[in-house]
N, C-alpha and C. Protein backbone atom coordinates (compact mmCIF):
# COMPACT_ATOMS: atom_id res chain seq x y z
N MET A 1 -11.33 -136.44 41.32
CA MET A 1 -12.34 -135.66 40.68
C MET A 1 -12.54 -136.12 39.26
N GLY A 2 -13.73 -136.36 39.07
CA GLY A 2 -14.08 -136.84 37.76
C GLY A 2 -14.62 -135.74 36.89
N PRO A 3 -14.93 -136.14 35.68
CA PRO A 3 -15.43 -135.11 34.76
C PRO A 3 -16.76 -134.55 35.21
N GLN A 4 -17.49 -135.30 36.02
CA GLN A 4 -18.75 -134.75 36.49
C GLN A 4 -18.54 -133.67 37.53
N ASP A 5 -17.45 -133.83 38.23
CA ASP A 5 -17.19 -132.86 39.29
C ASP A 5 -16.58 -131.56 38.77
N ALA A 6 -16.36 -131.44 37.56
CA ALA A 6 -15.73 -130.22 37.01
C ALA A 6 -16.70 -129.05 37.15
N LEU A 7 -16.15 -127.93 37.33
CA LEU A 7 -16.97 -126.71 37.47
C LEU A 7 -17.69 -126.44 36.16
N PRO A 8 -18.91 -125.94 36.33
CA PRO A 8 -19.62 -125.64 35.08
C PRO A 8 -18.92 -124.51 34.34
N GLU A 9 -19.01 -124.62 33.08
CA GLU A 9 -18.37 -123.60 32.25
C GLU A 9 -19.16 -122.31 32.32
N ILE A 10 -18.45 -121.24 32.52
CA ILE A 10 -19.10 -119.92 32.56
C ILE A 10 -19.07 -119.39 31.14
N PRO A 11 -20.24 -118.99 30.69
CA PRO A 11 -20.25 -118.48 29.31
C PRO A 11 -19.45 -117.18 29.24
N PRO A 12 -18.82 -116.96 28.15
CA PRO A 12 -18.03 -115.72 28.04
C PRO A 12 -18.93 -114.48 28.13
N ARG A 13 -18.39 -113.43 28.71
CA ARG A 13 -19.16 -112.18 28.84
C ARG A 13 -19.39 -111.61 27.46
N PRO A 14 -20.59 -111.14 27.26
CA PRO A 14 -20.83 -110.54 25.94
C PRO A 14 -20.04 -109.24 25.84
N ARG A 15 -19.51 -108.98 24.71
CA ARG A 15 -18.79 -107.73 24.49
C ARG A 15 -19.80 -106.60 24.50
N HIS A 16 -19.47 -105.59 25.26
CA HIS A 16 -20.37 -104.43 25.31
C HIS A 16 -20.28 -103.67 24.01
N SER A 17 -21.40 -103.27 23.61
CA SER A 17 -21.47 -102.49 22.38
C SER A 17 -20.96 -101.07 22.66
N ARG A 18 -20.43 -100.41 21.68
CA ARG A 18 -19.95 -99.04 21.82
C ARG A 18 -21.09 -98.05 21.61
N VAL A 19 -22.25 -98.50 21.33
CA VAL A 19 -23.38 -97.61 21.08
C VAL A 19 -23.71 -96.76 22.30
N PRO A 20 -23.83 -97.29 23.51
CA PRO A 20 -24.15 -96.43 24.65
C PRO A 20 -23.08 -95.35 24.87
N LEU A 21 -21.82 -95.68 24.69
CA LEU A 21 -20.76 -94.69 24.86
C LEU A 21 -20.88 -93.60 23.79
N THR A 22 -21.18 -93.97 22.59
CA THR A 22 -21.33 -93.00 21.51
C THR A 22 -22.49 -92.06 21.81
N TRP A 23 -23.60 -92.63 22.29
CA TRP A 23 -24.76 -91.78 22.61
C TRP A 23 -24.45 -90.86 23.78
N ALA A 24 -23.67 -91.30 24.72
CA ALA A 24 -23.31 -90.45 25.84
C ALA A 24 -22.46 -89.28 25.37
N ILE A 25 -21.54 -89.53 24.46
CA ILE A 25 -20.71 -88.44 23.93
C ILE A 25 -21.57 -87.46 23.14
N VAL A 26 -22.48 -87.97 22.33
CA VAL A 26 -23.38 -87.10 21.56
C VAL A 26 -24.24 -86.26 22.51
N ALA A 27 -24.74 -86.85 23.57
CA ALA A 27 -25.58 -86.12 24.52
C ALA A 27 -24.77 -85.02 25.21
N ILE A 28 -23.55 -85.32 25.60
CA ILE A 28 -22.69 -84.32 26.24
C ILE A 28 -22.41 -83.17 25.29
N LEU A 29 -22.11 -83.50 24.04
CA LEU A 29 -21.85 -82.45 23.05
C LEU A 29 -23.09 -81.60 22.79
N ALA A 30 -24.25 -82.23 22.76
CA ALA A 30 -25.49 -81.48 22.52
C ALA A 30 -25.78 -80.54 23.69
N VAL A 31 -25.63 -81.01 24.90
CA VAL A 31 -25.85 -80.16 26.07
C VAL A 31 -24.83 -79.03 26.09
N GLY A 32 -23.58 -79.34 25.80
CA GLY A 32 -22.54 -78.31 25.75
C GLY A 32 -22.83 -77.27 24.69
N GLY A 33 -23.29 -77.70 23.54
CA GLY A 33 -23.65 -76.77 22.47
C GLY A 33 -24.80 -75.87 22.88
N CYS A 34 -25.79 -76.44 23.55
CA CYS A 34 -26.92 -75.62 24.02
C CYS A 34 -26.44 -74.60 25.06
N LEU A 35 -25.58 -75.03 25.96
CA LEU A 35 -25.07 -74.11 26.98
C LEU A 35 -24.23 -73.00 26.35
N MET A 36 -23.52 -73.30 25.28
CA MET A 36 -22.73 -72.27 24.61
C MET A 36 -23.62 -71.34 23.80
N ALA A 37 -24.77 -71.81 23.36
CA ALA A 37 -25.66 -70.97 22.55
C ALA A 37 -26.47 -70.00 23.42
N ILE A 38 -26.66 -70.31 24.69
CA ILE A 38 -27.46 -69.44 25.56
C ILE A 38 -26.89 -68.02 25.62
N PRO A 39 -25.58 -67.83 25.83
CA PRO A 39 -25.07 -66.46 25.84
C PRO A 39 -25.27 -65.75 24.50
N LEU A 40 -25.18 -66.48 23.40
CA LEU A 40 -25.38 -65.86 22.09
C LEU A 40 -26.80 -65.34 21.94
N VAL A 41 -27.74 -66.00 22.57
CA VAL A 41 -29.12 -65.56 22.53
C VAL A 41 -29.34 -64.40 23.51
N LEU A 42 -28.70 -64.47 24.66
CA LEU A 42 -28.92 -63.45 25.69
C LEU A 42 -28.13 -62.17 25.48
N LEU A 43 -26.98 -62.22 24.83
CA LEU A 43 -26.14 -61.02 24.67
C LEU A 43 -26.86 -59.87 23.96
N PRO A 44 -27.57 -60.10 22.86
CA PRO A 44 -28.29 -58.98 22.25
C PRO A 44 -29.32 -58.36 23.19
N ALA A 45 -30.00 -59.19 23.96
CA ALA A 45 -30.98 -58.66 24.91
C ALA A 45 -30.30 -57.86 26.01
N LEU A 46 -29.15 -58.33 26.47
CA LEU A 46 -28.41 -57.59 27.50
C LEU A 46 -27.88 -56.28 26.93
N ALA A 47 -27.41 -56.29 25.70
CA ALA A 47 -26.91 -55.06 25.07
C ALA A 47 -28.03 -54.05 24.90
N GLU A 48 -29.20 -54.52 24.49
CA GLU A 48 -30.34 -53.60 24.34
C GLU A 48 -30.76 -53.05 25.69
N GLY A 49 -30.71 -53.87 26.71
CA GLY A 49 -31.03 -53.40 28.06
C GLY A 49 -30.07 -52.32 28.52
N LEU A 50 -28.79 -52.49 28.22
CA LEU A 50 -27.79 -51.48 28.56
C LEU A 50 -28.05 -50.18 27.80
N GLN A 51 -28.40 -50.29 26.51
CA GLN A 51 -28.70 -49.09 25.72
C GLN A 51 -29.93 -48.37 26.27
N LYS A 52 -30.94 -49.12 26.68
CA LYS A 52 -32.13 -48.48 27.26
C LYS A 52 -31.78 -47.77 28.56
N LYS A 53 -30.95 -48.39 29.38
CA LYS A 53 -30.53 -47.75 30.63
C LYS A 53 -29.75 -46.48 30.34
N GLN A 54 -28.83 -46.53 29.40
CA GLN A 54 -28.06 -45.33 29.05
C GLN A 54 -28.97 -44.24 28.51
N SER A 55 -29.96 -44.60 27.72
CA SER A 55 -30.90 -43.62 27.18
C SER A 55 -31.71 -42.97 28.30
N THR A 56 -32.18 -43.78 29.23
CA THR A 56 -32.94 -43.25 30.37
C THR A 56 -32.06 -42.37 31.24
N ASP A 57 -30.83 -42.82 31.50
CA ASP A 57 -29.90 -42.01 32.29
C ASP A 57 -29.61 -40.68 31.60
N CYS A 58 -29.45 -40.70 30.29
CA CYS A 58 -29.19 -39.46 29.55
C CYS A 58 -30.33 -38.48 29.74
N MET A 59 -31.55 -38.95 29.65
CA MET A 59 -32.71 -38.08 29.83
C MET A 59 -32.74 -37.52 31.26
N LEU A 60 -32.40 -38.35 32.24
CA LEU A 60 -32.35 -37.88 33.63
C LEU A 60 -31.25 -36.82 33.81
N TYR A 61 -30.10 -37.05 33.20
CA TYR A 61 -29.00 -36.09 33.30
C TYR A 61 -29.39 -34.76 32.66
N LEU A 62 -30.04 -34.84 31.50
CA LEU A 62 -30.46 -33.60 30.83
C LEU A 62 -31.50 -32.85 31.67
N ARG A 63 -32.38 -33.58 32.32
CA ARG A 63 -33.35 -32.93 33.21
C ARG A 63 -32.61 -32.21 34.35
N GLN A 64 -31.58 -32.87 34.91
CA GLN A 64 -30.78 -32.26 35.96
C GLN A 64 -30.06 -31.02 35.45
N ILE A 65 -29.52 -31.10 34.24
CA ILE A 65 -28.84 -29.94 33.65
C ILE A 65 -29.84 -28.81 33.44
N GLY A 66 -31.04 -29.12 32.95
CA GLY A 66 -32.08 -28.10 32.76
C GLY A 66 -32.43 -27.41 34.07
N GLU A 67 -32.58 -28.19 35.14
CA GLU A 67 -32.88 -27.60 36.45
C GLU A 67 -31.72 -26.74 36.95
N SER A 68 -30.50 -27.20 36.70
CA SER A 68 -29.32 -26.43 37.12
C SER A 68 -29.22 -25.12 36.35
N LEU A 69 -29.55 -25.15 35.06
CA LEU A 69 -29.53 -23.92 34.26
C LEU A 69 -30.61 -22.95 34.73
N ALA A 70 -31.76 -23.47 35.13
CA ALA A 70 -32.82 -22.60 35.66
C ALA A 70 -32.37 -21.95 36.97
N LEU A 71 -31.70 -22.71 37.83
CA LEU A 71 -31.17 -22.15 39.07
C LEU A 71 -30.13 -21.07 38.78
N TYR A 72 -29.27 -21.35 37.80
CA TYR A 72 -28.25 -20.37 37.41
C TYR A 72 -28.93 -19.08 36.94
N ALA A 73 -29.92 -19.23 36.06
CA ALA A 73 -30.60 -18.04 35.53
C ALA A 73 -31.29 -17.27 36.65
N GLY A 74 -31.82 -17.98 37.62
CA GLY A 74 -32.45 -17.32 38.76
C GLY A 74 -31.46 -16.48 39.56
N ASP A 75 -30.23 -16.93 39.60
CA ASP A 75 -29.19 -16.20 40.33
C ASP A 75 -28.62 -15.02 39.54
N TYR A 76 -28.80 -15.02 38.22
CA TYR A 76 -28.18 -14.01 37.35
C TYR A 76 -29.21 -13.27 36.50
N ASP A 77 -30.25 -12.74 37.14
CA ASP A 77 -31.26 -11.90 36.47
C ASP A 77 -31.85 -12.57 35.23
N ASP A 78 -32.15 -13.85 35.35
CA ASP A 78 -32.81 -14.63 34.30
C ASP A 78 -31.94 -14.80 33.05
N ARG A 79 -30.66 -14.63 33.19
CA ARG A 79 -29.73 -14.74 32.06
C ARG A 79 -29.15 -16.16 32.02
N LEU A 80 -29.12 -16.73 30.82
CA LEU A 80 -28.51 -18.04 30.64
C LEU A 80 -26.99 -17.90 30.73
N PRO A 81 -26.29 -18.99 31.01
CA PRO A 81 -24.84 -18.89 31.25
C PRO A 81 -24.05 -18.53 29.99
N PRO A 82 -22.81 -18.09 30.22
CA PRO A 82 -21.92 -17.79 29.09
C PRO A 82 -21.40 -19.07 28.46
N ALA A 83 -20.46 -18.93 27.55
CA ALA A 83 -19.94 -20.08 26.80
C ALA A 83 -19.29 -21.14 27.69
N ASP A 84 -18.78 -20.76 28.86
CA ASP A 84 -18.21 -21.76 29.76
C ASP A 84 -19.29 -22.28 30.72
N TRP A 85 -20.39 -22.68 30.14
CA TRP A 85 -21.61 -23.00 30.88
C TRP A 85 -21.43 -24.12 31.90
N MET A 86 -20.66 -25.13 31.60
CA MET A 86 -20.47 -26.22 32.57
C MET A 86 -19.73 -25.70 33.81
N ASP A 87 -18.72 -24.89 33.57
CA ASP A 87 -17.99 -24.31 34.70
C ASP A 87 -18.86 -23.34 35.47
N ALA A 88 -19.71 -22.59 34.75
CA ALA A 88 -20.56 -21.59 35.39
C ALA A 88 -21.62 -22.22 36.29
N LEU A 89 -22.03 -23.44 35.98
CA LEU A 89 -23.05 -24.10 36.80
C LEU A 89 -22.55 -24.34 38.22
N GLY A 90 -21.26 -24.59 38.35
CA GLY A 90 -20.64 -24.74 39.67
C GLY A 90 -21.45 -25.60 40.62
N THR A 91 -21.91 -25.02 41.72
CA THR A 91 -22.64 -25.78 42.75
C THR A 91 -24.09 -26.02 42.39
N ASN A 92 -24.57 -25.46 41.28
CA ASN A 92 -25.96 -25.67 40.89
C ASN A 92 -26.20 -27.08 40.37
N ILE A 93 -25.15 -27.79 40.02
CA ILE A 93 -25.32 -29.17 39.55
C ILE A 93 -24.78 -30.10 40.62
N ALA A 94 -25.54 -31.14 40.91
CA ALA A 94 -25.22 -32.02 42.03
C ALA A 94 -23.88 -32.73 41.86
N ARG A 95 -23.63 -33.26 40.68
CA ARG A 95 -22.41 -34.02 40.45
C ARG A 95 -21.93 -33.80 39.03
N ASP A 96 -20.64 -33.82 38.85
CA ASP A 96 -20.05 -33.66 37.52
C ASP A 96 -20.51 -34.77 36.58
N LYS A 97 -20.87 -35.90 37.13
CA LYS A 97 -21.32 -37.04 36.34
C LYS A 97 -22.50 -36.66 35.45
N PHE A 98 -23.35 -35.73 35.90
CA PHE A 98 -24.53 -35.34 35.12
C PHE A 98 -24.16 -34.57 33.87
N LEU A 99 -22.92 -34.13 33.75
CA LEU A 99 -22.48 -33.39 32.58
C LEU A 99 -21.94 -34.30 31.48
N HIS A 100 -21.92 -35.61 31.74
CA HIS A 100 -21.42 -36.60 30.79
C HIS A 100 -22.57 -37.45 30.27
N CYS A 101 -22.72 -37.52 28.96
CA CYS A 101 -23.71 -38.44 28.40
C CYS A 101 -23.26 -39.87 28.69
N PRO A 102 -24.12 -40.71 29.26
CA PRO A 102 -23.71 -42.08 29.61
C PRO A 102 -23.26 -42.90 28.41
N SER A 103 -23.76 -42.59 27.23
CA SER A 103 -23.36 -43.35 26.04
C SER A 103 -21.96 -42.96 25.56
N VAL A 104 -21.50 -41.79 25.95
CA VAL A 104 -20.16 -41.33 25.58
C VAL A 104 -19.15 -41.84 26.58
N GLY A 105 -19.51 -41.84 27.84
CA GLY A 105 -18.61 -42.28 28.89
C GLY A 105 -18.32 -41.13 29.83
N PHE A 106 -17.47 -41.40 30.80
CA PHE A 106 -17.19 -40.41 31.84
C PHE A 106 -15.73 -39.97 31.83
N LYS A 107 -15.14 -39.96 30.64
CA LYS A 107 -13.75 -39.54 30.55
C LYS A 107 -13.70 -38.10 30.05
N ASP A 108 -12.84 -37.29 30.64
CA ASP A 108 -12.56 -36.00 30.02
C ASP A 108 -11.84 -36.35 28.73
N PRO A 109 -12.00 -35.77 27.67
CA PRO A 109 -12.79 -34.62 27.29
C PRO A 109 -14.14 -35.00 26.70
N ASP A 110 -14.54 -36.26 26.83
CA ASP A 110 -15.77 -36.72 26.20
C ASP A 110 -16.97 -36.45 27.09
N TYR A 111 -17.65 -35.36 26.85
CA TYR A 111 -18.83 -35.01 27.64
C TYR A 111 -20.11 -35.39 26.90
N GLY A 112 -20.24 -35.00 25.65
CA GLY A 112 -21.38 -35.42 24.86
C GLY A 112 -22.56 -34.47 24.84
N TYR A 113 -22.53 -33.38 25.62
CA TYR A 113 -23.62 -32.41 25.62
C TYR A 113 -23.10 -31.04 25.19
N ALA A 114 -23.96 -30.27 24.53
CA ALA A 114 -23.60 -28.91 24.14
C ALA A 114 -24.75 -27.97 24.48
N LEU A 115 -24.40 -26.74 24.80
CA LEU A 115 -25.37 -25.67 24.99
C LEU A 115 -25.67 -25.07 23.63
N ASN A 116 -26.93 -24.79 23.37
CA ASN A 116 -27.34 -24.20 22.10
C ASN A 116 -26.63 -22.85 21.93
N ALA A 117 -25.86 -22.71 20.87
CA ALA A 117 -25.07 -21.49 20.64
C ALA A 117 -25.96 -20.25 20.53
N ALA A 118 -27.21 -20.42 20.09
CA ALA A 118 -28.11 -19.29 19.94
C ALA A 118 -28.61 -18.76 21.29
N LEU A 119 -28.35 -19.48 22.36
CA LEU A 119 -28.87 -19.08 23.68
C LEU A 119 -27.81 -18.58 24.64
N VAL A 120 -26.56 -18.64 24.28
CA VAL A 120 -25.46 -18.28 25.19
C VAL A 120 -25.62 -16.84 25.68
N GLY A 121 -25.72 -16.69 26.99
CA GLY A 121 -25.78 -15.37 27.62
C GLY A 121 -27.08 -14.61 27.43
N ARG A 122 -28.08 -15.22 26.83
CA ARG A 122 -29.35 -14.52 26.58
C ARG A 122 -30.23 -14.52 27.81
N VAL A 123 -31.12 -13.55 27.87
CA VAL A 123 -32.11 -13.47 28.94
C VAL A 123 -33.29 -14.36 28.54
N ARG A 124 -33.70 -15.26 29.43
CA ARG A 124 -34.76 -16.21 29.09
C ARG A 124 -36.07 -15.52 28.73
N ALA A 125 -36.39 -14.43 29.39
CA ALA A 125 -37.67 -13.75 29.13
C ALA A 125 -37.74 -13.19 27.71
N GLU A 126 -36.61 -12.95 27.07
CA GLU A 126 -36.59 -12.43 25.70
C GLU A 126 -36.81 -13.51 24.66
N ILE A 127 -36.77 -14.75 25.07
CA ILE A 127 -36.93 -15.87 24.13
C ILE A 127 -38.38 -16.31 24.18
N LYS A 128 -39.06 -16.15 23.06
CA LYS A 128 -40.51 -16.39 23.02
C LYS A 128 -40.86 -17.88 22.98
N ASP A 129 -40.09 -18.67 22.28
CA ASP A 129 -40.41 -20.08 22.12
C ASP A 129 -39.71 -20.90 23.20
N LEU A 130 -40.47 -21.31 24.21
CA LEU A 130 -39.89 -22.07 25.32
C LEU A 130 -39.57 -23.51 24.95
N SER A 131 -39.98 -23.95 23.76
CA SER A 131 -39.64 -25.30 23.33
C SER A 131 -38.29 -25.33 22.60
N THR A 132 -37.58 -24.23 22.60
CA THR A 132 -36.26 -24.16 21.97
C THR A 132 -35.30 -25.11 22.69
N PRO A 133 -34.58 -25.96 21.94
CA PRO A 133 -33.60 -26.84 22.58
C PRO A 133 -32.51 -26.02 23.27
N MET A 134 -32.24 -26.37 24.52
CA MET A 134 -31.26 -25.63 25.30
C MET A 134 -29.93 -26.41 25.37
N VAL A 135 -29.98 -27.64 25.78
CA VAL A 135 -28.80 -28.51 25.84
C VAL A 135 -29.19 -29.80 25.15
N PHE A 136 -28.25 -30.39 24.41
CA PHE A 136 -28.59 -31.55 23.59
C PHE A 136 -27.36 -32.43 23.40
N ASP A 137 -27.64 -33.69 22.96
CA ASP A 137 -26.55 -34.58 22.56
C ASP A 137 -25.82 -33.92 21.40
N THR A 138 -24.51 -34.01 21.41
CA THR A 138 -23.75 -33.40 20.33
C THR A 138 -22.57 -34.26 19.94
N ALA A 139 -22.15 -34.10 18.69
CA ALA A 139 -20.94 -34.76 18.22
C ALA A 139 -19.71 -33.95 18.60
N VAL A 140 -19.92 -32.69 19.01
CA VAL A 140 -18.82 -31.84 19.46
C VAL A 140 -18.43 -32.29 20.86
N GLN A 141 -17.20 -32.73 21.01
CA GLN A 141 -16.78 -33.24 22.31
C GLN A 141 -16.02 -32.17 23.08
N GLY A 142 -16.04 -32.29 24.36
CA GLY A 142 -15.27 -31.40 25.21
C GLY A 142 -16.13 -30.70 26.24
N ARG A 143 -15.49 -30.28 27.30
CA ARG A 143 -16.17 -29.55 28.36
C ARG A 143 -16.59 -28.20 27.82
N ASN A 144 -17.75 -27.71 28.25
CA ASN A 144 -18.28 -26.41 27.84
C ASN A 144 -18.56 -26.32 26.35
N ALA A 145 -18.93 -27.43 25.72
CA ALA A 145 -19.23 -27.40 24.29
C ALA A 145 -20.42 -26.48 24.03
N VAL A 146 -20.27 -25.64 23.05
CA VAL A 146 -21.34 -24.76 22.57
C VAL A 146 -21.44 -25.02 21.08
N ALA A 147 -22.64 -25.32 20.60
CA ALA A 147 -22.77 -25.69 19.19
C ALA A 147 -24.17 -25.39 18.69
N ALA A 148 -24.31 -25.43 17.39
CA ALA A 148 -25.62 -25.33 16.77
C ALA A 148 -26.32 -26.67 16.92
N ILE A 149 -27.63 -26.63 16.88
CA ILE A 149 -28.42 -27.84 17.10
C ILE A 149 -28.14 -28.91 16.03
N ASP A 150 -27.66 -28.49 14.87
CA ASP A 150 -27.39 -29.48 13.82
C ASP A 150 -26.10 -30.28 14.08
N SER A 151 -25.48 -30.07 15.24
CA SER A 151 -24.28 -30.85 15.59
C SER A 151 -24.64 -32.14 16.31
N MET A 152 -25.93 -32.47 16.34
CA MET A 152 -26.32 -33.72 16.98
C MET A 152 -25.69 -34.89 16.23
N PRO A 153 -25.30 -35.94 16.96
CA PRO A 153 -24.61 -37.06 16.31
C PRO A 153 -25.50 -37.80 15.32
N ALA A 154 -24.90 -38.21 14.24
CA ALA A 154 -25.57 -39.06 13.26
C ALA A 154 -24.63 -40.22 12.97
N PRO A 155 -25.02 -41.44 13.18
CA PRO A 155 -26.34 -41.86 13.65
C PRO A 155 -26.55 -41.46 15.10
N PRO A 156 -27.82 -41.35 15.48
CA PRO A 156 -28.13 -40.95 16.86
C PRO A 156 -27.56 -41.92 17.89
N ARG A 157 -27.33 -41.40 19.06
CA ARG A 157 -26.67 -42.15 20.12
C ARG A 157 -27.56 -43.14 20.85
N HIS A 158 -28.82 -42.82 21.02
CA HIS A 158 -29.68 -43.58 21.94
C HIS A 158 -30.81 -44.29 21.20
N LEU A 159 -30.59 -45.54 20.88
CA LEU A 159 -31.63 -46.36 20.26
C LEU A 159 -32.30 -45.62 19.10
N GLY A 160 -31.50 -44.98 18.27
CA GLY A 160 -32.01 -44.33 17.07
C GLY A 160 -32.47 -42.90 17.25
N VAL A 161 -32.30 -42.32 18.42
CA VAL A 161 -32.72 -40.94 18.64
C VAL A 161 -31.66 -40.21 19.47
N ASN A 162 -31.68 -38.88 19.40
CA ASN A 162 -30.85 -38.05 20.26
C ASN A 162 -31.76 -37.38 21.27
N HIS A 163 -31.19 -36.97 22.39
CA HIS A 163 -31.97 -36.33 23.45
C HIS A 163 -31.63 -34.86 23.57
N LEU A 164 -32.55 -34.13 24.18
CA LEU A 164 -32.34 -32.71 24.44
C LEU A 164 -33.19 -32.28 25.62
N VAL A 165 -32.84 -31.13 26.19
CA VAL A 165 -33.68 -30.49 27.20
C VAL A 165 -34.05 -29.13 26.62
N ARG A 166 -35.33 -28.80 26.71
CA ARG A 166 -35.81 -27.55 26.14
C ARG A 166 -35.64 -26.41 27.14
N LEU A 167 -35.84 -25.21 26.67
CA LEU A 167 -35.71 -24.02 27.49
C LEU A 167 -36.68 -24.05 28.67
N ASP A 168 -37.84 -24.66 28.48
CA ASP A 168 -38.81 -24.75 29.57
C ASP A 168 -38.46 -25.86 30.57
N GLY A 169 -37.33 -26.53 30.36
CA GLY A 169 -36.86 -27.57 31.29
C GLY A 169 -37.38 -28.96 30.99
N GLN A 170 -38.22 -29.09 29.99
CA GLN A 170 -38.78 -30.39 29.66
C GLN A 170 -37.80 -31.21 28.83
N VAL A 171 -37.78 -32.50 29.09
CA VAL A 171 -37.04 -33.45 28.27
C VAL A 171 -38.13 -34.25 27.56
N PRO A 172 -38.50 -33.80 26.36
CA PRO A 172 -39.70 -34.38 25.73
C PRO A 172 -39.52 -35.85 25.36
N ASP A 173 -40.64 -36.57 25.42
CA ASP A 173 -40.63 -37.96 24.97
C ASP A 173 -40.39 -38.04 23.47
N LEU A 174 -40.92 -37.07 22.74
CA LEU A 174 -40.68 -37.00 21.31
C LEU A 174 -39.32 -36.37 21.13
N ARG A 175 -38.34 -37.16 20.83
CA ARG A 175 -36.96 -36.67 20.79
C ARG A 175 -36.61 -36.20 19.40
N LEU A 176 -35.76 -35.19 19.34
CA LEU A 176 -35.32 -34.63 18.08
C LEU A 176 -34.38 -35.59 17.39
N ARG A 177 -34.63 -35.81 16.12
CA ARG A 177 -33.78 -36.68 15.32
C ARG A 177 -32.96 -35.82 14.36
N PRO A 178 -31.73 -36.25 14.02
CA PRO A 178 -30.96 -35.48 13.05
C PRO A 178 -31.77 -35.36 11.75
N GLY A 179 -31.70 -34.20 11.14
CA GLY A 179 -32.45 -33.95 9.92
C GLY A 179 -33.74 -33.21 10.17
N ASP A 180 -34.26 -33.26 11.43
CA ASP A 180 -35.45 -32.47 11.77
C ASP A 180 -35.06 -31.00 11.71
N GLU A 181 -36.02 -30.14 11.55
CA GLU A 181 -35.77 -28.71 11.50
C GLU A 181 -36.10 -28.09 12.84
N PRO A 182 -35.14 -28.04 13.76
CA PRO A 182 -35.43 -27.43 15.06
C PRO A 182 -35.42 -25.92 14.96
N LYS A 183 -36.07 -25.29 15.90
CA LYS A 183 -36.04 -23.84 15.98
C LYS A 183 -34.86 -23.48 16.88
N VAL A 184 -33.81 -22.91 16.29
CA VAL A 184 -32.60 -22.64 17.05
C VAL A 184 -32.39 -21.16 17.32
N SER A 185 -33.19 -20.32 16.72
CA SER A 185 -32.96 -18.88 16.90
C SER A 185 -33.31 -18.42 18.30
N GLY A 186 -34.24 -19.11 18.93
CA GLY A 186 -34.67 -18.71 20.26
C GLY A 186 -35.68 -17.58 20.22
N ASP A 187 -36.07 -17.13 19.05
CA ASP A 187 -37.03 -16.03 18.93
C ASP A 187 -38.43 -16.55 18.67
């Protein structure tokens, strides 16, 4: 074999640049950062959605309590219940869950609702103003809470407002805020 028969020389492989690897790492980090930021953007929206659900549930529970109190009064010569009002409702309320404000939770002793102290044991027909708050969100915790209307929590529990059910059974869209002057005498 002569020099002509020698194998052609293979040029050396070019060294790969590290640029593509660097860009791949940057791209992975950017995608990872975006994926980690998505929950940070969604969490406030999810929290607000939960608060709206709790607010709606609270209004539904108060409506149920109002209907149960009307049934109770119908059974007792139009008289509202005594101070142990939750116990007095007995079978008139479908489930004990309705006696717990959803924003407070479902643990004893945290109920979150109180009966207006000015209405305890009164005859409904003697109360002239049917828009009088009957049961409302309260800072007074415990089963059978009875309190004045000014015991509403501050700051309010539900998206900046507190809820109530009036003597006429309505859960008004215009909710009472702490500092408002409600009519609590029932006259």
